[in-house]
Amino acid sequence: MQEIAISKFKATCLSVIQDVRRTGKPVRITRFGHPMADLVPPGKGSAMGRVGSLQGSVKALGDIVTPVVEDDGVEPGY
């Protein structure tokens, strides 16, 4: 895995990100020689953070509106 110092990463961030996306090879970002983060390309079909990305993955069974327990009107004492 290619390593890059955090100072160089800060100066060339967009270029490094584009290279990772284009080549598919991850880059390890280091600070004083210690790993800080790994920059990895997105997975195929990655929908992380997209609106509606979980659509169709949950199925509601039964009543989802009525409370599970009865409300006794007393505020919880945290």
PDB file of N, CA and C in Angstrom:
ATOM      1  N   MET A   1       0.848  -1.174   0.000  1.00  0.00           N
ATOM      2  CA  MET A   1       0.000   0.000   0.000  1.00  0.00           C
ATOM      3  C   MET A   1       0.897   1.241   0.000  1.00  0.00           C
ATOM      4  N   GLN A   2       0.571   2.186  -0.864  1.00  0.00           N
ATOM      5  CA  GLN A   2       1.331   3.432  -0.919  1.00  0.00           C
ATOM      6  C   GLN A   2       1.067   4.243   0.343  1.00  0.00           C
ATOM      7  N   GLU A   3       2.103   4.895   0.863  1.00  0.00           N
ATOM      8  CA  GLU A   3       1.966   5.759   2.030  1.00  0.00           C
ATOM      9  C   GLU A   3       2.288   7.188   1.637  1.00  0.00           C
ATOM     10  N   ILE A   4       1.602   8.127   2.279  1.00  0.00           N
ATOM     11  CA  ILE A   4       1.823   9.538   2.014  1.00  0.00           C
ATOM     12  C   ILE A   4       1.744  10.288   3.342  1.00  0.00           C
ATOM     13  N   ALA A   5       2.664  11.221   3.548  1.00  0.00           N
ATOM     14  CA  ALA A   5       2.655  12.024   4.770  1.00  0.00           C
ATOM     15  C   ALA A   5       1.431  12.944   4.752  1.00  0.00           C
ATOM     16  N   ILE A   6       0.886  13.180   5.924  1.00  0.00           N
ATOM     17  CA  ILE A   6      -0.329  13.974   6.019  1.00  0.00           C
ATOM     18  C   ILE A   6      -0.127  15.388   5.460  1.00  0.00           C
ATOM     19  N   SER A   7       1.066  15.946   5.615  1.00  0.00           N
ATOM     20  CA  SER A   7       1.330  17.285   5.080  1.00  0.00           C
ATOM     21  C   SER A   7       1.260  17.289   3.557  1.00  0.00           C
ATOM     22  N   LYS A   8       1.801  16.248   2.927  1.00  0.00           N
ATOM     23  CA  LYS A   8       1.724  16.142   1.471  1.00  0.00           C
ATOM     24  C   LYS A   8       0.293  15.863   1.035  1.00  0.00           C
ATOM     25  N   PHE A   9      -0.427  15.041   1.807  1.00  0.00           N
ATOM     26  CA  PHE A   9      -1.825  14.750   1.485  1.00  0.00           C
ATOM     27  C   PHE A   9      -2.655  16.028   1.508  1.00  0.00           C
ATOM     28  N   LYS A  10      -2.435  16.862   2.525  1.00  0.00           N
ATOM     29  CA  LYS A  10      -3.175  18.118   2.626  1.00  0.00           C
ATOM     30  C   LYS A  10      -2.937  19.004   1.406  1.00  0.00           C
ATOM     31  N   ALA A  11      -1.703  19.005   0.900  1.00  0.00           N
ATOM     32  CA  ALA A  11      -1.356  19.854  -0.240  1.00  0.00           C
ATOM     33  C   ALA A  11      -1.876  19.301  -1.572  1.00  0.00           C
ATOM     34  N   THR A  12      -2.066  17.967  -1.641  1.00  0.00           N
ATOM     35  CA  THR A  12      -2.448  17.336  -2.907  1.00  0.00           C
ATOM     36  C   THR A  12      -3.706  16.477  -2.765  1.00  0.00           C
ATOM     37  N   CYS A  13      -4.554  16.830  -1.845  1.00  0.00           N
ATOM     38  CA  CYS A  13      -5.718  16.017  -1.478  1.00  0.00           C
ATOM     39  C   CYS A  13      -6.565  15.585  -2.680  1.00  0.00           C
ATOM     40  N   LEU A  14      -7.012  16.529  -3.487  1.00  0.00           N
ATOM     41  CA  LEU A  14      -7.900  16.186  -4.603  1.00  0.00           C
ATOM     42  C   LEU A  14      -7.219  15.261  -5.601  1.00  0.00           C
ATOM     43  N   SER A  15      -5.952  15.502  -5.862  1.00  0.00           N
ATOM     44  CA  SER A  15      -5.205  14.657  -6.785  1.00  0.00           C
ATOM     45  C   SER A  15      -5.079  13.234  -6.251  1.00  0.00           C
ATOM     46  N   VAL A  16      -4.781  13.100  -4.965  1.00  0.00           N
ATOM     47  CA  VAL A  16      -4.646  11.775  -4.345  1.00  0.00           C
ATOM     48  C   VAL A  16      -5.978  11.035  -4.397  1.00  0.00           C
ATOM     49  N   ILE A  17      -7.057  11.713  -4.076  1.00  0.00           N
ATOM     50  CA  ILE A  17      -8.387  11.087  -4.106  1.00  0.00           C
ATOM     51  C   ILE A  17      -8.727  10.626  -5.522  1.00  0.00           C
ATOM     52  N   GLN A  18      -8.441  11.453  -6.513  1.00  0.00           N
ATOM     53  CA  GLN A  18      -8.717  11.068  -7.898  1.00  0.00           C
ATOM     54  C   GLN A  18      -7.883   9.858  -8.305  1.00  0.00           C
ATOM     55  N   ASP A  19      -6.624   9.810  -7.880  1.00  0.00           N
ATOM     56  CA  ASP A  19      -5.767   8.658  -8.197  1.00  0.00           C
ATOM     57  C   ASP A  19      -6.304   7.372  -7.577  1.00  0.00           C
ATOM     58  N   VAL A  20      -6.746   7.452  -6.328  1.00  0.00           N
ATOM     59  CA  VAL A  20      -7.302   6.265  -5.654  1.00  0.00           C
ATOM     60  C   VAL A  20      -8.552   5.798  -6.380  1.00  0.00           C
ATOM     61  N   ARG A  21      -9.385   6.727  -6.767  1.00  0.00           N
ATOM     62  CA  ARG A  21     -10.621   6.355  -7.467  1.00  0.00           C
ATOM     63  C   ARG A  21     -10.301   5.751  -8.833  1.00  0.00           C
ATOM     64  N   ARG A  22      -9.339   6.338  -9.547  1.00  0.00           N
ATOM     65  CA  ARG A  22      -8.992   5.885 -10.884  1.00  0.00           C
ATOM     66  C   ARG A  22      -8.294   4.526 -10.867  1.00  0.00           C
ATOM     67  N   THR A  23      -7.322   4.363  -9.969  1.00  0.00           N
ATOM     68  CA  THR A  23      -6.525   3.130  -9.959  1.00  0.00           C
ATOM     69  C   THR A  23      -7.131   2.017  -9.106  1.00  0.00           C
ATOM     70  N   GLY A  24      -7.935   2.401  -8.111  1.00  0.00           N
ATOM     71  CA  GLY A  24      -8.502   1.405  -7.207  1.00  0.00           C
ATOM     72  C   GLY A  24      -7.538   0.966  -6.131  1.00  0.00           C
ATOM     73  N   LYS A  25      -6.356   1.598  -6.061  1.00  0.00           N
ATOM     74  CA  LYS A  25      -5.350   1.227  -5.061  1.00  0.00           C
ATOM     75  C   LYS A  25      -5.451   2.160  -3.856  1.00  0.00           C
ATOM     76  N   PRO A  26      -5.538   1.608  -2.650  1.00  0.00           N
ATOM     77  CA  PRO A  26      -5.657   2.438  -1.445  1.00  0.00           C
ATOM     78  C   PRO A  26      -4.354   3.163  -1.121  1.00  0.00           C
ATOM     79  N   VAL A  27      -4.471   4.225  -0.337  1.00  0.00           N
ATOM     80  CA  VAL A  27      -3.325   5.011   0.113  1.00  0.00           C
ATOM     81  C   VAL A  27      -3.423   5.160   1.628  1.00  0.00           C
ATOM     82  N   ARG A  28      -2.301   4.937   2.308  1.00  0.00           N
ATOM     83  CA  ARG A  28      -2.249   5.122   3.766  1.00  0.00           C
ATOM     84  C   ARG A  28      -1.685   6.507   4.064  1.00  0.00           C
ATOM     85  N   ILE A  29      -2.404   7.270   4.876  1.00  0.00           N
ATOM     86  CA  ILE A  29      -1.975   8.611   5.265  1.00  0.00           C
ATOM     87  C   ILE A  29      -1.303   8.497   6.627  1.00  0.00           C
ATOM     88  N   THR A  30      -0.064   9.026   6.717  1.00  0.00           N
ATOM     89  CA  THR A  30       0.709   8.883   7.946  1.00  0.00           C
ATOM     90  C   THR A  30       1.057  10.249   8.532  1.00  0.00           C
ATOM     91  N   ARG A  31       1.340  10.237   9.829  1.00  0.00           N
ATOM     92  CA  ARG A  31       1.815  11.427  10.532  1.00  0.00           C
ATOM     93  C   ARG A  31       2.996  10.982  11.381  1.00  0.00           C
ATOM     94  N   PHE A  32       4.142  11.549  11.121  1.00  0.00           N
ATOM     95  CA  PHE A  32       5.377  11.154  11.791  1.00  0.00           C
ATOM     96  C   PHE A  32       5.616   9.646  11.665  1.00  0.00           C
ATOM     97  N   GLY A  33       5.248   9.094  10.508  1.00  0.00           N
ATOM     98  CA  GLY A  33       5.462   7.681  10.232  1.00  0.00           C
ATOM     99  C   GLY A  33       4.410   6.739  10.795  1.00  0.00           C
ATOM    100  N   HIS A  34       3.453   7.272  11.538  1.00  0.00           N
ATOM    101  CA  HIS A  34       2.394   6.442  12.121  1.00  0.00           C
ATOM    102  C   HIS A  34       1.120   6.552  11.277  1.00  0.00           C
ATOM    103  N   PRO A  35       0.463   5.427  11.005  1.00  0.00           N
ATOM    104  CA  PRO A  35      -0.758   5.458  10.205  1.00  0.00           C
ATOM    105  C   PRO A  35      -1.857   6.286  10.885  1.00  0.00           C
ATOM    106  N   MET A  36      -2.481   7.165  10.125  1.00  0.00           N
ATOM    107  CA  MET A  36      -3.598   7.966  10.625  1.00  0.00           C
ATOM    108  C   MET A  36      -4.910   7.536   9.985  1.00  0.00           C
ATOM    109  N   ALA A  37      -4.854   7.201   8.680  1.00  0.00           N
ATOM    110  CA  ALA A  37      -6.075   6.825   7.964  1.00  0.00           C
ATOM    111  C   ALA A  37      -5.691   6.082   6.689  1.00  0.00           C
ATOM    112  N   ASP A  38      -6.625   5.285   6.200  1.00  0.00           N
ATOM    113  CA  ASP A  38      -6.476   4.628   4.907  1.00  0.00           C
ATOM    114  C   ASP A  38      -7.534   5.197   3.978  1.00  0.00           C
ATOM    115  N   LEU A  39      -7.124   5.654   2.824  1.00  0.00           N
ATOM    116  CA  LEU A  39      -8.034   6.153   1.810  1.00  0.00           C
ATOM    117  C   LEU A  39      -8.255   5.020   0.828  1.00  0.00           C
ATOM    118  N   VAL A  40      -9.474   4.523   0.774  1.00  0.00           N
ATOM    119  CA  VAL A  40      -9.788   3.381  -0.082  1.00  0.00           C
ATOM    120  C   VAL A  40     -10.844   3.789  -1.099  1.00  0.00           C
ATOM    121  N   PRO A  41     -10.843   3.154  -2.269  1.00  0.00           N
ATOM    122  CA  PRO A  41     -11.856   3.489  -3.271  1.00  0.00           C
ATOM    123  C   PRO A  41     -13.219   2.988  -2.827  1.00  0.00           C
ATOM    124  N   PRO A  42     -14.285   3.620  -3.321  1.00  0.00           N
ATOM    125  CA  PRO A  42     -15.622   3.143  -2.977  1.00  0.00           C
ATOM    126  C   PRO A  42     -15.864   1.768  -3.584  1.00  0.00           C
ATOM    127  N   GLY A  43     -16.663   0.963  -2.892  1.00  0.00           N
ATOM    128  CA  GLY A  43     -17.001  -0.355  -3.415  1.00  0.00           C
ATOM    129  C   GLY A  43     -17.948  -0.238  -4.592  1.00  0.00           C
ATOM    130  N   LYS A  44     -18.036  -1.293  -5.361  1.00  0.00           N
ATOM    131  CA  LYS A  44     -18.953  -1.288  -6.496  1.00  0.00           C
ATOM    132  C   LYS A  44     -20.378  -1.148  -5.994  1.00  0.00           C
ATOM    133  N   GLY A  45     -21.126  -0.245  -6.594  1.00  0.00           N
ATOM    134  CA  GLY A  45     -22.510  -0.030  -6.205  1.00  0.00           C
ATOM    135  C   GLY A  45     -22.638   0.598  -4.839  1.00  0.00           C
ATOM    136  N   SER A  46     -21.572   1.216  -4.361  1.00  0.00           N
ATOM    137  CA  SER A  46     -21.614   1.844  -3.048  1.00  0.00           C
ATOM    138  C   SER A  46     -22.668   2.932  -3.026  1.00  0.00           C
ATOM    139  N   ALA A  47     -23.615   2.807  -2.112  1.00  0.00           N
ATOM    140  CA  ALA A  47     -24.708   3.776  -2.016  1.00  0.00           C
ATOM    141  C   ALA A  47     -24.656   4.517  -0.694  1.00  0.00           C
ATOM    142  N   MET A  48     -23.535   4.398  -0.006  1.00  0.00           N
ATOM    143  CA  MET A  48     -23.415   5.009   1.300  1.00  0.00           C
ATOM    144  C   MET A  48     -23.640   6.519   1.227  1.00  0.00           C
ATOM    145  N   GLY A  49     -24.576   7.000   2.005  1.00  0.00           N
ATOM    146  CA  GLY A  49     -24.836   8.424   2.057  1.00  0.00           C
ATOM    147  C   GLY A  49     -25.812   8.922   1.014  1.00  0.00           C
ATOM    148  N   ARG A  50     -26.275   8.075   0.146  1.00  0.00           N
ATOM    149  CA  ARG A  50     -27.227   8.503  -0.869  1.00  0.00           C
ATOM    150  C   ARG A  50     -28.641   8.414  -0.321  1.00  0.00           C
ATOM    151  N   VAL A  51     -29.442   9.417  -0.645  1.00  0.00           N
ATOM    152  CA  VAL A  51     -30.838   9.414  -0.223  1.00  0.00           C
ATOM    153  C   VAL A  51     -31.546   8.245  -0.894  1.00  0.00           C
ATOM    154  N   GLY A  52     -32.273   7.477  -0.092  1.00  0.00           N
ATOM    155  CA  GLY A  52     -33.017   6.345  -0.622  1.00  0.00           C
ATOM    156  C   GLY A  52     -32.183   5.097  -0.810  1.00  0.00           C
ATOM    157  N   SER A  53     -30.942   5.099  -0.322  1.00  0.00           N
ATOM    158  CA  SER A  53     -30.065   3.957  -0.553  1.00  0.00           C
ATOM    159  C   SER A  53     -30.540   2.697   0.167  1.00  0.00           C
ATOM    160  N   LEU A  54     -31.346   2.852   1.205  1.00  0.00           N
ATOM    161  CA  LEU A  54     -31.856   1.684   1.930  1.00  0.00           C
ATOM    162  C   LEU A  54     -33.291   1.333   1.541  1.00  0.00           C
ATOM    163  N   GLN A  55     -33.789   2.000   0.510  1.00  0.00           N
ATOM    164  CA  GLN A  55     -35.159   1.747   0.072  1.00  0.00           C
ATOM    165  C   GLN A  55     -35.335   0.278  -0.274  1.00  0.00           C
ATOM    166  N   GLY A  56     -36.377  -0.318   0.279  1.00  0.00           N
ATOM    167  CA  GLY A  56     -36.672  -1.709   0.015  1.00  0.00           C
ATOM    168  C   GLY A  56     -35.930  -2.688   0.906  1.00  0.00           C
ATOM    169  N   SER A  57     -35.109  -2.194   1.829  1.00  0.00           N
ATOM    170  CA  SER A  57     -34.333  -3.095   2.668  1.00  0.00           C
ATOM    171  C   SER A  57     -35.006  -3.371   4.014  1.00  0.00           C
ATOM    172  N   VAL A  58     -36.102  -2.659   4.306  1.00  0.00           N
ATOM    173  CA  VAL A  58     -36.808  -2.841   5.563  1.00  0.00           C
ATOM    174  C   VAL A  58     -38.269  -3.120   5.263  1.00  0.00           C
ATOM    175  N   LYS A  59     -38.846  -4.047   6.013  1.00  0.00           N
ATOM    176  CA  LYS A  59     -40.253  -4.365   5.834  1.00  0.00           C
ATOM    177  C   LYS A  59     -40.947  -4.202   7.179  1.00  0.00           C
ATOM    178  N   ALA A  60     -41.960  -3.333   7.222  1.00  0.00           N
ATOM    179  CA  ALA A  60     -42.707  -3.104   8.456  1.00  0.00           C
ATOM    180  C   ALA A  60     -43.737  -4.214   8.628  1.00  0.00           C
ATOM    181  N   LEU A  61     -43.701  -4.851   9.789  1.00  0.00           N
ATOM    182  CA  LEU A  61     -44.654  -5.909  10.096  1.00  0.00           C
ATOM    183  C   LEU A  61     -45.512  -5.463  11.265  1.00  0.00           C
ATOM    184  N   GLY A  62     -46.786  -5.292  11.048  1.00  0.00           N
ATOM    185  CA  GLY A  62     -47.675  -4.891  12.126  1.00  0.00           C
ATOM    186  C   GLY A  62     -47.773  -3.389  12.276  1.00  0.00           C
ATOM    187  N   ASP A  63     -48.253  -2.957  13.439  1.00  0.00           N
ATOM    188  CA  ASP A  63     -48.504  -1.559  13.731  1.00  0.00           C
ATOM    189  C   ASP A  63     -47.200  -0.872  14.149  1.00  0.00           C
ATOM    190  N   ILE A  64     -46.800   0.163  13.392  1.00  0.00           N
ATOM    191  CA  ILE A  64     -45.572   0.879  13.735  1.00  0.00           C
ATOM    192  C   ILE A  64     -45.855   2.245  14.349  1.00  0.00           C
ATOM    193  N   VAL A  65     -47.145   2.555  14.595  1.00  0.00           N
ATOM    194  CA  VAL A  65     -47.530   3.856  15.114  1.00  0.00           C
ATOM    195  C   VAL A  65     -47.853   3.805  16.608  1.00  0.00           C
ATOM    196  N   THR A  66     -48.569   2.795  17.021  1.00  0.00           N
ATOM    197  CA  THR A  66     -48.985   2.683  18.414  1.00  0.00           C
ATOM    198  C   THR A  66     -47.780   2.391  19.309  1.00  0.00           C
ATOM    199  N   PRO A  67     -47.675   3.095  20.463  1.00  0.00           N
ATOM    200  CA  PRO A  67     -46.553   2.846  21.377  1.00  0.00           C
ATOM    201  C   PRO A  67     -46.538   1.403  21.876  1.00  0.00           C
ATOM    202  N   VAL A  68     -45.363   0.903  22.159  1.00  0.00           N
ATOM    203  CA  VAL A  68     -45.194  -0.466  22.637  1.00  0.00           C
ATOM    204  C   VAL A  68     -45.664  -0.579  24.079  1.00  0.00           C
ATOM    205  N   VAL A  69     -45.405   0.460  24.869  1.00  0.00           N
ATOM    206  CA  VAL A  69     -45.845   0.488  26.265  1.00  0.00           C
ATOM    207  C   VAL A  69     -46.838   1.630  26.446  1.00  0.00           C
ATOM    208  N   GLU A  70     -47.687   1.509  27.460  1.00  0.00           N
ATOM    209  CA  GLU A  70     -48.666   2.554  27.718  1.00  0.00           C
ATOM    210  C   GLU A  70     -47.996   3.754  28.377  1.00  0.00           C
ATOM    211  N   ASP A  71     -48.478   4.946  28.032  1.00  0.00           N
ATOM    212  CA  ASP A  71     -47.946   6.189  28.595  1.00  0.00           C
ATOM    213  C   ASP A  71     -48.701   6.459  29.889  1.00  0.00           C
ATOM    214  N   ASP A  72     -47.951   6.477  31.020  1.00  0.00           N
ATOM    215  CA  ASP A  72     -48.583   6.733  32.320  1.00  0.00           C
ATOM    216  C   ASP A  72     -48.599   8.217  32.660  1.00  0.00           C
ATOM    217  N   GLY A  73     -48.072   9.057  31.755  1.00  0.00           N
ATOM    218  CA  GLY A  73     -48.101  10.500  31.963  1.00  0.00           C
ATOM    219  C   GLY A  73     -46.993  11.017  32.870  1.00  0.00           C
ATOM    220  N   VAL A  74     -46.140  10.151  33.353  1.00  0.00           N
ATOM    221  CA  VAL A  74     -45.070  10.564  34.255  1.00  0.00           C
ATOM    222  C   VAL A  74     -43.791  10.739  33.438  1.00  0.00           C
ATOM    223  N   GLU A  75     -43.132  11.887  33.635  1.00  0.00           N
ATOM    224  CA  GLU A  75     -41.884  12.157  32.931  1.00  0.00           C
ATOM    225  C   GLU A  75     -40.777  11.267  33.518  1.00  0.00           C
ATOM    226  N   PRO A  76     -39.912  10.748  32.665  1.00  0.00           N
ATOM    227  CA  PRO A  76     -38.819   9.923  33.192  1.00  0.00           C
ATOM    228  C   PRO A  76     -37.862  10.787  34.009  1.00  0.00           C
ATOM    229  N   GLY A  77     -37.350  10.253  35.085  1.00  0.00           N
ATOM    230  CA  GLY A  77     -36.433  10.986  35.943  1.00  0.00           C
ATOM    231  C   GLY A  77     -34.990  10.681  35.623  1.00  0.00           C
ATOM    232  N   TYR A  78     -34.437  11.397  34.669  1.00  0.00           N
ATOM    233  CA  TYR A  78     -33.042  11.162  34.271  1.00  0.00           C
ATOM    234  C   TYR A  78     -32.124  11.826  35.216  1.00  0.00           C
TER     235      TYR A  78
END
